[in-house]
N, C-alpha and C. Protein backbone atom coordinates (compact mmCIF):
# COMPACT_ATOMS: atom_id res chain seq x y z
N MET A 1 -17.07 -6.98 2.94
CA MET A 1 -16.41 -5.78 2.44
C MET A 1 -15.49 -6.19 1.29
N LYS A 2 -15.56 -5.44 0.21
CA LYS A 2 -14.71 -5.68 -0.96
C LYS A 2 -13.54 -4.69 -0.94
N THR A 3 -12.60 -4.89 -1.85
CA THR A 3 -11.42 -4.02 -1.93
C THR A 3 -11.83 -2.56 -2.08
N ARG A 4 -12.75 -2.27 -2.99
CA ARG A 4 -13.16 -0.88 -3.20
C ARG A 4 -13.80 -0.29 -1.94
N ASP A 5 -14.64 -1.09 -1.24
CA ASP A 5 -15.26 -0.61 0.00
C ASP A 5 -14.19 -0.21 1.01
N ALA A 6 -13.19 -1.05 1.16
CA ALA A 6 -12.11 -0.77 2.11
C ALA A 6 -11.35 0.49 1.70
N LEU A 7 -11.03 0.62 0.42
CA LEU A 7 -10.29 1.78 -0.05
C LEU A 7 -11.08 3.07 0.16
N GLN A 8 -12.40 3.02 0.01
CA GLN A 8 -13.22 4.20 0.24
C GLN A 8 -13.17 4.65 1.70
N GLU A 9 -12.95 3.72 2.61
CA GLU A 9 -12.81 4.06 4.02
C GLU A 9 -11.40 4.57 4.34
N ILE A 10 -10.41 4.01 3.66
CA ILE A 10 -9.01 4.34 3.93
C ILE A 10 -8.62 5.71 3.39
N ILE A 11 -9.01 6.01 2.16
CA ILE A 11 -8.53 7.20 1.45
C ILE A 11 -8.74 8.51 2.22
N PRO A 12 -9.85 8.75 2.91
CA PRO A 12 -9.96 10.00 3.66
C PRO A 12 -8.89 10.15 4.75
N PHE A 13 -8.36 9.05 5.27
CA PHE A 13 -7.32 9.12 6.30
C PHE A 13 -5.95 9.43 5.71
N VAL A 14 -5.79 9.21 4.41
CA VAL A 14 -4.51 9.49 3.76
C VAL A 14 -4.26 11.00 3.71
N GLU A 15 -5.34 11.76 3.60
CA GLU A 15 -5.29 13.22 3.51
C GLU A 15 -4.37 13.64 2.36
N SER A 16 -3.39 14.51 2.61
CA SER A 16 -2.52 14.99 1.53
C SER A 16 -1.21 14.21 1.46
N ASN A 17 -1.12 13.10 2.18
CA ASN A 17 0.11 12.32 2.23
C ASN A 17 0.26 11.44 0.99
N PRO A 18 1.48 11.01 0.72
CA PRO A 18 1.69 10.12 -0.43
C PRO A 18 1.10 8.73 -0.21
N ALA A 19 0.59 8.16 -1.28
CA ALA A 19 0.06 6.79 -1.26
C ALA A 19 0.70 6.02 -2.41
N ILE A 20 1.33 4.90 -2.06
CA ILE A 20 1.93 4.03 -3.07
C ILE A 20 0.93 2.90 -3.28
N CYS A 21 0.44 2.74 -4.49
CA CYS A 21 -0.68 1.83 -4.78
C CYS A 21 -0.21 0.64 -5.59
N ALA A 22 -0.49 -0.55 -5.11
CA ALA A 22 -0.03 -1.79 -5.74
C ALA A 22 -0.54 -1.96 -7.16
N THR A 23 0.25 -2.68 -7.93
CA THR A 23 -0.09 -3.02 -9.31
C THR A 23 -1.48 -3.63 -9.41
N GLY A 24 -2.20 -3.30 -10.45
CA GLY A 24 -3.48 -3.95 -10.73
C GLY A 24 -4.67 -3.24 -10.13
N HIS A 25 -5.59 -4.04 -9.59
CA HIS A 25 -6.87 -3.51 -9.14
C HIS A 25 -6.76 -2.42 -8.08
N ILE A 26 -5.77 -2.51 -7.20
CA ILE A 26 -5.66 -1.49 -6.15
C ILE A 26 -5.36 -0.13 -6.78
N SER A 27 -4.38 -0.07 -7.68
CA SER A 27 -4.09 1.20 -8.37
C SER A 27 -5.31 1.69 -9.14
N ARG A 28 -5.97 0.78 -9.83
CA ARG A 28 -7.13 1.16 -10.63
C ARG A 28 -8.25 1.74 -9.77
N GLU A 29 -8.52 1.10 -8.65
CA GLU A 29 -9.60 1.56 -7.77
C GLU A 29 -9.25 2.89 -7.11
N VAL A 30 -8.01 3.03 -6.65
CA VAL A 30 -7.62 4.30 -6.02
C VAL A 30 -7.71 5.43 -7.03
N GLN A 31 -7.23 5.20 -8.25
CA GLN A 31 -7.32 6.23 -9.29
C GLN A 31 -8.77 6.63 -9.52
N ASP A 32 -9.67 5.66 -9.54
CA ASP A 32 -11.09 5.93 -9.79
C ASP A 32 -11.75 6.66 -8.62
N ILE A 33 -11.33 6.35 -7.40
CA ILE A 33 -11.92 6.98 -6.21
C ILE A 33 -11.39 8.39 -6.02
N GLN A 34 -10.05 8.54 -6.09
CA GLN A 34 -9.46 9.86 -5.87
C GLN A 34 -8.08 9.95 -6.53
N ASP A 35 -8.07 10.31 -7.79
CA ASP A 35 -6.81 10.47 -8.52
C ASP A 35 -6.18 11.79 -8.08
N ARG A 36 -4.89 11.74 -7.77
CA ARG A 36 -4.17 12.95 -7.35
C ARG A 36 -2.68 12.73 -7.57
N LYS A 37 -1.93 13.81 -7.59
CA LYS A 37 -0.50 13.73 -7.87
C LYS A 37 0.27 12.98 -6.79
N GLU A 38 -0.24 12.95 -5.59
CA GLU A 38 0.44 12.27 -4.47
C GLU A 38 0.24 10.76 -4.49
N ASN A 39 -0.51 10.25 -5.45
CA ASN A 39 -0.67 8.79 -5.61
C ASN A 39 0.39 8.30 -6.58
N PHE A 40 1.12 7.27 -6.17
CA PHE A 40 2.06 6.62 -7.08
C PHE A 40 1.48 5.27 -7.45
N TYR A 41 1.09 5.14 -8.71
CA TYR A 41 0.49 3.90 -9.21
C TYR A 41 1.61 3.00 -9.73
N VAL A 42 1.83 1.89 -9.04
CA VAL A 42 2.87 0.95 -9.45
C VAL A 42 2.31 0.15 -10.63
N ILE A 43 3.00 0.22 -11.75
CA ILE A 43 2.55 -0.47 -12.96
C ILE A 43 3.62 -1.47 -13.39
N GLY A 44 3.21 -2.73 -13.50
CA GLY A 44 4.12 -3.74 -14.02
C GLY A 44 5.23 -4.16 -13.09
N SER A 45 5.12 -3.87 -11.82
CA SER A 45 6.17 -4.23 -10.85
C SER A 45 5.54 -4.87 -9.62
N MET A 46 4.83 -5.96 -9.83
CA MET A 46 4.16 -6.62 -8.72
C MET A 46 5.15 -7.01 -7.63
N GLY A 47 4.80 -6.72 -6.41
CA GLY A 47 5.64 -7.04 -5.27
C GLY A 47 6.50 -5.89 -4.80
N MET A 48 6.60 -4.83 -5.59
CA MET A 48 7.53 -3.75 -5.27
C MET A 48 6.90 -2.56 -4.56
N CYS A 49 5.63 -2.63 -4.27
CA CYS A 49 4.92 -1.51 -3.64
C CYS A 49 5.57 -1.09 -2.32
N SER A 50 5.85 -2.06 -1.45
CA SER A 50 6.42 -1.72 -0.14
C SER A 50 7.86 -1.23 -0.28
N SER A 51 8.61 -1.72 -1.27
CA SER A 51 9.98 -1.25 -1.48
C SER A 51 9.98 0.22 -1.91
N ILE A 52 9.09 0.56 -2.83
CA ILE A 52 8.97 1.95 -3.28
C ILE A 52 8.52 2.83 -2.12
N GLY A 53 7.53 2.37 -1.38
CA GLY A 53 7.04 3.13 -0.23
C GLY A 53 8.11 3.35 0.83
N LEU A 54 8.95 2.35 1.05
CA LEU A 54 10.04 2.49 2.01
C LEU A 54 11.00 3.59 1.57
N GLY A 55 11.34 3.60 0.30
CA GLY A 55 12.21 4.65 -0.20
C GLY A 55 11.63 6.04 0.00
N VAL A 56 10.34 6.17 -0.27
CA VAL A 56 9.66 7.46 -0.08
C VAL A 56 9.67 7.85 1.40
N ALA A 57 9.39 6.89 2.27
CA ALA A 57 9.36 7.17 3.71
C ALA A 57 10.72 7.63 4.22
N LEU A 58 11.79 7.06 3.69
CA LEU A 58 13.13 7.45 4.12
C LEU A 58 13.53 8.82 3.59
N VAL A 59 13.09 9.15 2.37
CA VAL A 59 13.43 10.43 1.77
C VAL A 59 12.59 11.57 2.35
N ARG A 60 11.35 11.27 2.72
CA ARG A 60 10.45 12.29 3.27
C ARG A 60 9.96 11.87 4.66
N PRO A 61 10.83 11.89 5.67
CA PRO A 61 10.43 11.48 7.02
C PRO A 61 9.41 12.40 7.67
N ASP A 62 9.20 13.57 7.07
CA ASP A 62 8.22 14.53 7.58
C ASP A 62 6.80 14.22 7.13
N ARG A 63 6.61 13.24 6.24
CA ARG A 63 5.29 12.90 5.72
C ARG A 63 4.95 11.45 6.06
N LYS A 64 3.72 11.18 6.41
CA LYS A 64 3.27 9.80 6.54
C LYS A 64 3.20 9.21 5.14
N VAL A 65 3.64 7.98 4.98
CA VAL A 65 3.62 7.32 3.68
C VAL A 65 2.72 6.10 3.78
N PHE A 66 1.68 6.07 2.96
CA PHE A 66 0.71 4.97 2.95
C PHE A 66 1.05 4.03 1.80
N VAL A 67 1.26 2.77 2.13
CA VAL A 67 1.49 1.74 1.13
C VAL A 67 0.22 0.91 1.06
N LEU A 68 -0.48 0.99 -0.07
CA LEU A 68 -1.74 0.27 -0.26
C LEU A 68 -1.43 -0.95 -1.11
N ASP A 69 -1.32 -2.08 -0.44
CA ASP A 69 -0.74 -3.29 -1.01
C ASP A 69 -1.76 -4.42 -1.06
N GLY A 70 -1.45 -5.47 -1.78
CA GLY A 70 -2.28 -6.66 -1.84
C GLY A 70 -1.54 -7.86 -1.26
N ASP A 71 -2.28 -8.89 -0.89
CA ASP A 71 -1.65 -10.07 -0.30
C ASP A 71 -0.69 -10.74 -1.28
N GLY A 72 -1.07 -10.84 -2.54
CA GLY A 72 -0.19 -11.45 -3.53
C GLY A 72 1.11 -10.68 -3.69
N SER A 73 1.02 -9.37 -3.66
CA SER A 73 2.19 -8.51 -3.78
C SER A 73 3.13 -8.70 -2.60
N VAL A 74 2.58 -8.74 -1.40
CA VAL A 74 3.40 -8.94 -0.20
C VAL A 74 4.09 -10.30 -0.25
N LEU A 75 3.36 -11.32 -0.67
CA LEU A 75 3.94 -12.66 -0.74
C LEU A 75 5.09 -12.74 -1.75
N MET A 76 5.05 -11.91 -2.78
CA MET A 76 6.12 -11.90 -3.78
C MET A 76 7.39 -11.24 -3.29
N ASN A 77 7.29 -10.39 -2.27
CA ASN A 77 8.46 -9.64 -1.80
C ASN A 77 8.50 -9.60 -0.28
N MET A 78 8.37 -10.77 0.34
CA MET A 78 8.33 -10.81 1.81
C MET A 78 9.62 -10.33 2.45
N GLY A 79 10.72 -10.41 1.74
CA GLY A 79 11.99 -9.94 2.29
C GLY A 79 11.96 -8.47 2.65
N ASN A 80 11.14 -7.69 1.96
CA ASN A 80 11.09 -6.26 2.27
C ASN A 80 10.46 -5.99 3.63
N LEU A 81 9.64 -6.92 4.15
CA LEU A 81 9.10 -6.74 5.50
C LEU A 81 10.25 -6.66 6.51
N ALA A 82 11.27 -7.47 6.32
CA ALA A 82 12.44 -7.44 7.21
C ALA A 82 13.20 -6.12 7.08
N VAL A 83 13.31 -5.61 5.86
CA VAL A 83 14.01 -4.35 5.65
C VAL A 83 13.25 -3.21 6.32
N VAL A 84 11.94 -3.19 6.16
CA VAL A 84 11.12 -2.16 6.82
C VAL A 84 11.29 -2.25 8.33
N GLY A 85 11.20 -3.46 8.88
CA GLY A 85 11.35 -3.63 10.32
C GLY A 85 12.71 -3.18 10.82
N ALA A 86 13.76 -3.49 10.07
CA ALA A 86 15.11 -3.13 10.48
C ALA A 86 15.36 -1.63 10.42
N LEU A 87 14.86 -0.97 9.36
CA LEU A 87 15.05 0.47 9.22
C LEU A 87 14.06 1.28 10.05
N ALA A 88 12.92 0.68 10.35
CA ALA A 88 11.91 1.23 11.27
C ALA A 88 11.51 2.68 11.04
N PRO A 89 11.10 3.04 9.82
CA PRO A 89 10.63 4.42 9.63
C PRO A 89 9.31 4.65 10.35
N LYS A 90 9.26 5.68 11.17
CA LYS A 90 8.07 5.97 11.98
C LYS A 90 6.88 6.40 11.14
N ASN A 91 7.14 6.84 9.91
CA ASN A 91 6.09 7.39 9.05
C ASN A 91 5.56 6.38 8.04
N PHE A 92 5.89 5.10 8.19
CA PHE A 92 5.55 4.06 7.21
C PHE A 92 4.28 3.32 7.65
N ILE A 93 3.23 3.39 6.83
CA ILE A 93 1.96 2.72 7.12
C ILE A 93 1.68 1.75 5.97
N HIS A 94 1.76 0.47 6.28
CA HIS A 94 1.63 -0.59 5.27
C HIS A 94 0.25 -1.23 5.43
N ILE A 95 -0.62 -0.99 4.48
CA ILE A 95 -1.98 -1.52 4.51
C ILE A 95 -2.11 -2.60 3.45
N VAL A 96 -2.48 -3.81 3.89
CA VAL A 96 -2.58 -4.94 2.97
C VAL A 96 -4.03 -5.38 2.85
N LEU A 97 -4.55 -5.29 1.64
CA LEU A 97 -5.92 -5.74 1.34
C LEU A 97 -5.82 -7.20 0.92
N ASP A 98 -6.31 -8.08 1.77
CA ASP A 98 -6.13 -9.52 1.58
C ASP A 98 -7.43 -10.20 1.15
N ASN A 99 -7.50 -10.50 -0.16
CA ASN A 99 -8.67 -11.21 -0.69
C ASN A 99 -8.33 -12.67 -1.00
N GLU A 100 -7.12 -13.09 -0.55
CA GLU A 100 -6.64 -14.46 -0.73
C GLU A 100 -6.60 -14.88 -2.20
N ALA A 101 -6.33 -13.89 -3.07
CA ALA A 101 -6.31 -14.19 -4.51
C ALA A 101 -5.45 -13.17 -5.25
N TYR A 102 -5.02 -13.56 -6.43
CA TYR A 102 -4.37 -12.66 -7.36
C TYR A 102 -5.47 -12.12 -8.27
N ALA A 103 -6.22 -11.15 -7.75
CA ALA A 103 -7.43 -10.67 -8.43
C ALA A 103 -7.13 -10.09 -9.81
N SER A 104 -6.02 -9.39 -9.93
CA SER A 104 -5.72 -8.69 -11.18
C SER A 104 -5.36 -9.62 -12.33
N THR A 105 -4.99 -10.86 -12.01
CA THR A 105 -4.56 -11.78 -13.07
C THR A 105 -5.53 -12.95 -13.26
N GLY A 106 -6.71 -12.87 -12.66
CA GLY A 106 -7.70 -13.91 -12.88
C GLY A 106 -8.20 -14.62 -11.64
N ASN A 107 -7.95 -14.04 -10.47
CA ASN A 107 -8.43 -14.58 -9.20
C ASN A 107 -7.86 -15.95 -8.83
N GLN A 108 -6.60 -16.20 -9.26
CA GLN A 108 -5.95 -17.41 -8.79
C GLN A 108 -5.73 -17.29 -7.28
N LYS A 109 -5.85 -18.40 -6.58
CA LYS A 109 -5.73 -18.41 -5.12
C LYS A 109 -4.29 -18.09 -4.70
N SER A 110 -4.16 -17.21 -3.71
CA SER A 110 -2.83 -16.92 -3.16
C SER A 110 -2.60 -17.81 -1.94
N LEU A 111 -1.46 -17.68 -1.31
CA LEU A 111 -1.13 -18.47 -0.12
C LEU A 111 -1.49 -17.76 1.18
N SER A 112 -2.14 -16.62 1.10
CA SER A 112 -2.36 -15.83 2.32
C SER A 112 -3.28 -16.50 3.33
N SER A 113 -4.09 -17.46 2.89
CA SER A 113 -4.93 -18.18 3.85
C SER A 113 -4.09 -19.10 4.74
N ALA A 114 -2.88 -19.44 4.28
CA ALA A 114 -1.99 -20.33 5.04
C ALA A 114 -0.82 -19.58 5.67
N VAL A 115 -0.63 -18.31 5.33
CA VAL A 115 0.49 -17.53 5.86
C VAL A 115 -0.08 -16.37 6.67
N ALA A 116 0.28 -16.30 7.92
CA ALA A 116 -0.23 -15.24 8.82
C ALA A 116 0.57 -13.96 8.57
N LEU A 117 0.16 -13.19 7.57
CA LEU A 117 0.93 -12.02 7.15
C LEU A 117 1.12 -11.00 8.29
N ALA A 118 0.10 -10.79 9.10
CA ALA A 118 0.24 -9.84 10.21
C ALA A 118 1.30 -10.32 11.20
N GLU A 119 1.35 -11.61 11.46
CA GLU A 119 2.34 -12.15 12.39
C GLU A 119 3.74 -12.10 11.78
N VAL A 120 3.82 -12.29 10.47
CA VAL A 120 5.11 -12.17 9.79
C VAL A 120 5.63 -10.73 9.93
N ALA A 121 4.75 -9.75 9.73
CA ALA A 121 5.14 -8.35 9.89
C ALA A 121 5.61 -8.08 11.32
N ARG A 122 4.87 -8.57 12.29
CA ARG A 122 5.25 -8.37 13.70
C ARG A 122 6.63 -9.00 13.98
N ALA A 123 6.84 -10.22 13.47
CA ALA A 123 8.11 -10.91 13.69
C ALA A 123 9.28 -10.19 13.02
N ASN A 124 8.98 -9.42 11.98
CA ASN A 124 10.03 -8.70 11.27
C ASN A 124 10.27 -7.30 11.82
N GLY A 125 9.58 -6.92 12.88
CA GLY A 125 9.89 -5.67 13.54
C GLY A 125 8.95 -4.51 13.32
N TYR A 126 7.81 -4.73 12.67
CA TYR A 126 6.83 -3.64 12.57
C TYR A 126 6.39 -3.30 13.99
N LYS A 127 6.34 -2.01 14.30
CA LYS A 127 6.05 -1.57 15.67
C LYS A 127 4.61 -1.85 16.07
N THR A 128 3.67 -1.57 15.17
CA THR A 128 2.26 -1.83 15.46
C THR A 128 1.67 -2.67 14.34
N VAL A 129 0.82 -3.62 14.74
CA VAL A 129 0.18 -4.51 13.78
C VAL A 129 -1.30 -4.58 14.13
N TYR A 130 -2.13 -4.34 13.13
CA TYR A 130 -3.58 -4.35 13.31
C TYR A 130 -4.23 -5.25 12.28
N LYS A 131 -5.46 -5.66 12.58
CA LYS A 131 -6.28 -6.42 11.63
C LYS A 131 -7.67 -5.82 11.61
N SER A 132 -8.33 -5.93 10.47
CA SER A 132 -9.70 -5.46 10.34
C SER A 132 -10.42 -6.31 9.30
N GLY A 133 -11.74 -6.37 9.44
CA GLY A 133 -12.52 -7.13 8.47
C GLY A 133 -13.89 -6.54 8.22
N SER A 134 -14.17 -5.37 8.82
CA SER A 134 -15.47 -4.74 8.62
C SER A 134 -15.30 -3.23 8.49
N LYS A 135 -16.24 -2.58 7.81
CA LYS A 135 -16.18 -1.14 7.63
C LYS A 135 -16.15 -0.40 8.96
N GLU A 136 -17.00 -0.85 9.89
CA GLU A 136 -17.10 -0.18 11.18
C GLU A 136 -15.76 -0.25 11.92
N ASN A 137 -15.19 -1.42 11.97
CA ASN A 137 -13.92 -1.61 12.65
C ASN A 137 -12.78 -0.89 11.93
N LEU A 138 -12.85 -0.85 10.62
CA LEU A 138 -11.78 -0.24 9.83
C LEU A 138 -11.60 1.23 10.16
N LYS A 139 -12.67 1.97 10.33
CA LYS A 139 -12.57 3.39 10.68
C LYS A 139 -11.83 3.58 12.00
N GLU A 140 -12.17 2.77 12.99
CA GLU A 140 -11.52 2.86 14.30
C GLU A 140 -10.04 2.50 14.21
N VAL A 141 -9.75 1.45 13.47
CA VAL A 141 -8.35 1.02 13.31
C VAL A 141 -7.55 2.08 12.55
N MET A 142 -8.13 2.68 11.52
CA MET A 142 -7.43 3.71 10.76
C MET A 142 -7.09 4.91 11.64
N LYS A 143 -7.97 5.25 12.56
CA LYS A 143 -7.66 6.34 13.51
C LYS A 143 -6.42 6.00 14.31
N LYS A 144 -6.35 4.76 14.80
CA LYS A 144 -5.19 4.32 15.59
C LYS A 144 -3.92 4.32 14.74
N VAL A 145 -4.02 3.75 13.55
CA VAL A 145 -2.85 3.63 12.67
C VAL A 145 -2.26 5.00 12.35
N THR A 146 -3.10 5.97 12.08
CA THR A 146 -2.60 7.28 11.68
C THR A 146 -2.12 8.12 12.86
N GLN A 147 -2.42 7.70 14.07
CA GLN A 147 -2.02 8.47 15.25
C GLN A 147 -0.86 7.87 16.02
N THR A 148 -0.33 6.73 15.57
CA THR A 148 0.79 6.09 16.26
C THR A 148 2.01 6.06 15.34
N ASP A 149 3.17 5.97 15.96
CA ASP A 149 4.40 5.85 15.18
C ASP A 149 4.52 4.45 14.59
N GLY A 150 5.07 4.38 13.43
CA GLY A 150 5.28 3.11 12.76
C GLY A 150 6.70 2.63 12.92
N PRO A 151 7.07 1.67 12.11
CA PRO A 151 6.28 1.19 10.99
C PRO A 151 5.05 0.43 11.45
N SER A 152 3.94 0.68 10.77
CA SER A 152 2.66 0.06 11.10
C SER A 152 2.22 -0.86 9.97
N PHE A 153 1.52 -1.92 10.35
CA PHE A 153 1.01 -2.90 9.39
C PHE A 153 -0.46 -3.12 9.69
N LEU A 154 -1.28 -3.01 8.68
CA LEU A 154 -2.72 -3.25 8.83
C LEU A 154 -3.16 -4.26 7.79
N LEU A 155 -3.64 -5.39 8.26
CA LEU A 155 -4.15 -6.44 7.38
C LEU A 155 -5.67 -6.33 7.36
N ILE A 156 -6.23 -6.14 6.17
CA ILE A 156 -7.68 -6.02 6.02
C ILE A 156 -8.17 -7.19 5.18
N LYS A 157 -8.97 -8.03 5.77
CA LYS A 157 -9.57 -9.15 5.04
C LYS A 157 -10.74 -8.62 4.23
N VAL A 158 -10.69 -8.85 2.92
CA VAL A 158 -11.77 -8.43 2.03
C VAL A 158 -12.27 -9.64 1.26
N GLY A 159 -13.50 -9.54 0.79
CA GLY A 159 -14.08 -10.62 0.02
C GLY A 159 -13.60 -10.60 -1.42
N PRO A 160 -13.91 -11.64 -2.17
CA PRO A 160 -13.49 -11.68 -3.58
C PRO A 160 -14.14 -10.56 -4.37
N ASP A 161 -13.38 -10.01 -5.29
CA ASP A 161 -13.88 -8.92 -6.13
C ASP A 161 -14.61 -9.52 -7.33
N THR A 162 -15.92 -9.38 -7.31
CA THR A 162 -16.74 -9.93 -8.40
C THR A 162 -17.24 -8.85 -9.35
N ASP A 163 -17.15 -7.59 -8.92
CA ASP A 163 -17.58 -6.48 -9.76
C ASP A 163 -16.53 -6.20 -10.83
N LYS A 164 -16.96 -5.55 -11.89
CA LYS A 164 -16.02 -5.14 -12.93
C LYS A 164 -15.05 -4.13 -12.33
N PRO A 165 -13.73 -4.33 -12.53
CA PRO A 165 -12.78 -3.40 -11.94
C PRO A 165 -12.85 -2.02 -12.58
N ALA A 166 -12.31 -1.04 -11.87
CA ALA A 166 -12.23 0.32 -12.39
C ALA A 166 -11.33 0.33 -13.64
N PRO A 167 -11.41 1.38 -14.44
CA PRO A 167 -10.57 1.46 -15.65
C PRO A 167 -9.08 1.40 -15.32
N ARG A 168 -8.32 0.91 -16.27
CA ARG A 168 -6.86 0.81 -16.11
C ARG A 168 -6.25 2.20 -15.96
N VAL A 169 -5.11 2.26 -15.28
CA VAL A 169 -4.35 3.50 -15.18
C VAL A 169 -3.81 3.81 -16.57
N LYS A 170 -4.15 4.96 -17.08
CA LYS A 170 -3.77 5.31 -18.45
C LYS A 170 -2.44 6.06 -18.52
N ALA A 171 -2.08 6.74 -17.44
CA ALA A 171 -0.83 7.51 -17.46
C ALA A 171 0.36 6.58 -17.58
N GLU A 172 1.38 7.04 -18.28
CA GLU A 172 2.62 6.29 -18.45
C GLU A 172 3.45 6.35 -17.16
N PRO A 173 4.24 5.31 -16.88
CA PRO A 173 5.05 5.30 -15.66
C PRO A 173 5.95 6.52 -15.49
N ASP A 174 6.56 7.00 -16.58
CA ASP A 174 7.43 8.19 -16.48
C ASP A 174 6.65 9.41 -16.00
N PHE A 175 5.44 9.57 -16.53
CA PHE A 175 4.60 10.70 -16.14
C PHE A 175 4.18 10.58 -14.68
N ILE A 176 3.76 9.37 -14.27
CA ILE A 176 3.36 9.14 -12.88
C ILE A 176 4.51 9.48 -11.94
N THR A 177 5.70 9.02 -12.28
CA THR A 177 6.89 9.28 -11.46
C THR A 177 7.18 10.76 -11.36
N GLN A 178 7.16 11.46 -12.49
CA GLN A 178 7.48 12.88 -12.51
C GLN A 178 6.49 13.69 -11.68
N GLN A 179 5.20 13.45 -11.86
CA GLN A 179 4.22 14.25 -11.12
C GLN A 179 4.26 13.91 -9.62
N PHE A 180 4.55 12.66 -9.29
CA PHE A 180 4.66 12.26 -7.89
C PHE A 180 5.85 12.95 -7.23
N MET A 181 6.98 12.97 -7.91
CA MET A 181 8.17 13.63 -7.36
C MET A 181 7.94 15.13 -7.20
N GLU A 182 7.28 15.72 -8.15
CA GLU A 182 6.97 17.15 -8.04
C GLU A 182 6.04 17.43 -6.87
N ALA A 183 5.03 16.57 -6.70
CA ALA A 183 4.08 16.75 -5.59
C ALA A 183 4.76 16.65 -4.24
N LEU A 184 5.80 15.81 -4.16
CA LEU A 184 6.52 15.63 -2.89
C LEU A 184 7.75 16.52 -2.78
N ASN A 185 7.99 17.33 -3.82
CA ASN A 185 9.15 18.20 -3.86
C ASN A 185 10.45 17.41 -3.67
N VAL A 186 10.54 16.31 -4.41
CA VAL A 186 11.72 15.45 -4.37
C VAL A 186 12.35 15.49 -5.75
N HIS A 187 13.65 15.68 -5.79
CA HIS A 187 14.35 15.74 -7.07
C HIS A 187 15.53 14.79 -7.02
N THR A 188 15.85 14.22 -8.15
CA THR A 188 17.01 13.34 -8.22
C THR A 188 18.08 13.99 -9.08
N SER A 189 19.28 13.61 -8.83
CA SER A 189 20.37 14.08 -9.66
C SER A 189 21.32 12.90 -9.88
N VAL A 190 22.01 12.95 -10.96
CA VAL A 190 22.97 11.89 -11.29
C VAL A 190 24.35 12.37 -10.92
N HIS A 191 25.06 11.56 -10.17
CA HIS A 191 26.44 11.91 -9.77
C HIS A 191 27.39 10.97 -10.51
N THR A 192 28.43 11.54 -11.06
CA THR A 192 29.44 10.71 -11.72
C THR A 192 30.76 10.85 -10.98
N ALA A 193 31.57 9.82 -11.02
CA ALA A 193 32.86 9.83 -10.31
C ALA A 193 33.89 10.58 -11.09
């Protein structure tokens, strides 16, 4: 199973909920499969997908929040696993597509083959931790993940991406942010002292 195969199985379970999509191939593939205002495409901020998703989960506790992350991204910001575990948002679903590589920057090998990411998540307080490696199993696991309280962590082992990736996200970050906030009915204001 490749990253795109896994995402095609995951996306129907997201339904109308927000999805925070990691920098690079994950954002590109999700946009190509199902572009919508509720998708937040992280551009140029590798490692920050789970931090952004945590903020969304805390602001909108009434919505399930799907964080579609990569192994390289998680390894860059492992400290956020502890923050998620400590704050324990029930609506936080962290899905990590692990191809053991930095696919978006040239398929350099990551450390995920030597770091048990699912066990790290469990040790940091994620309530439920799952693993999957096949399409058949992924559907069953996604049913469980979406029906239990989180924070949840799902590690999906995928093969190397050898196909040409989907087109780059063309929308500018400001536009992505604005349409995402509008879709979630979230507004910010600046307070001065």
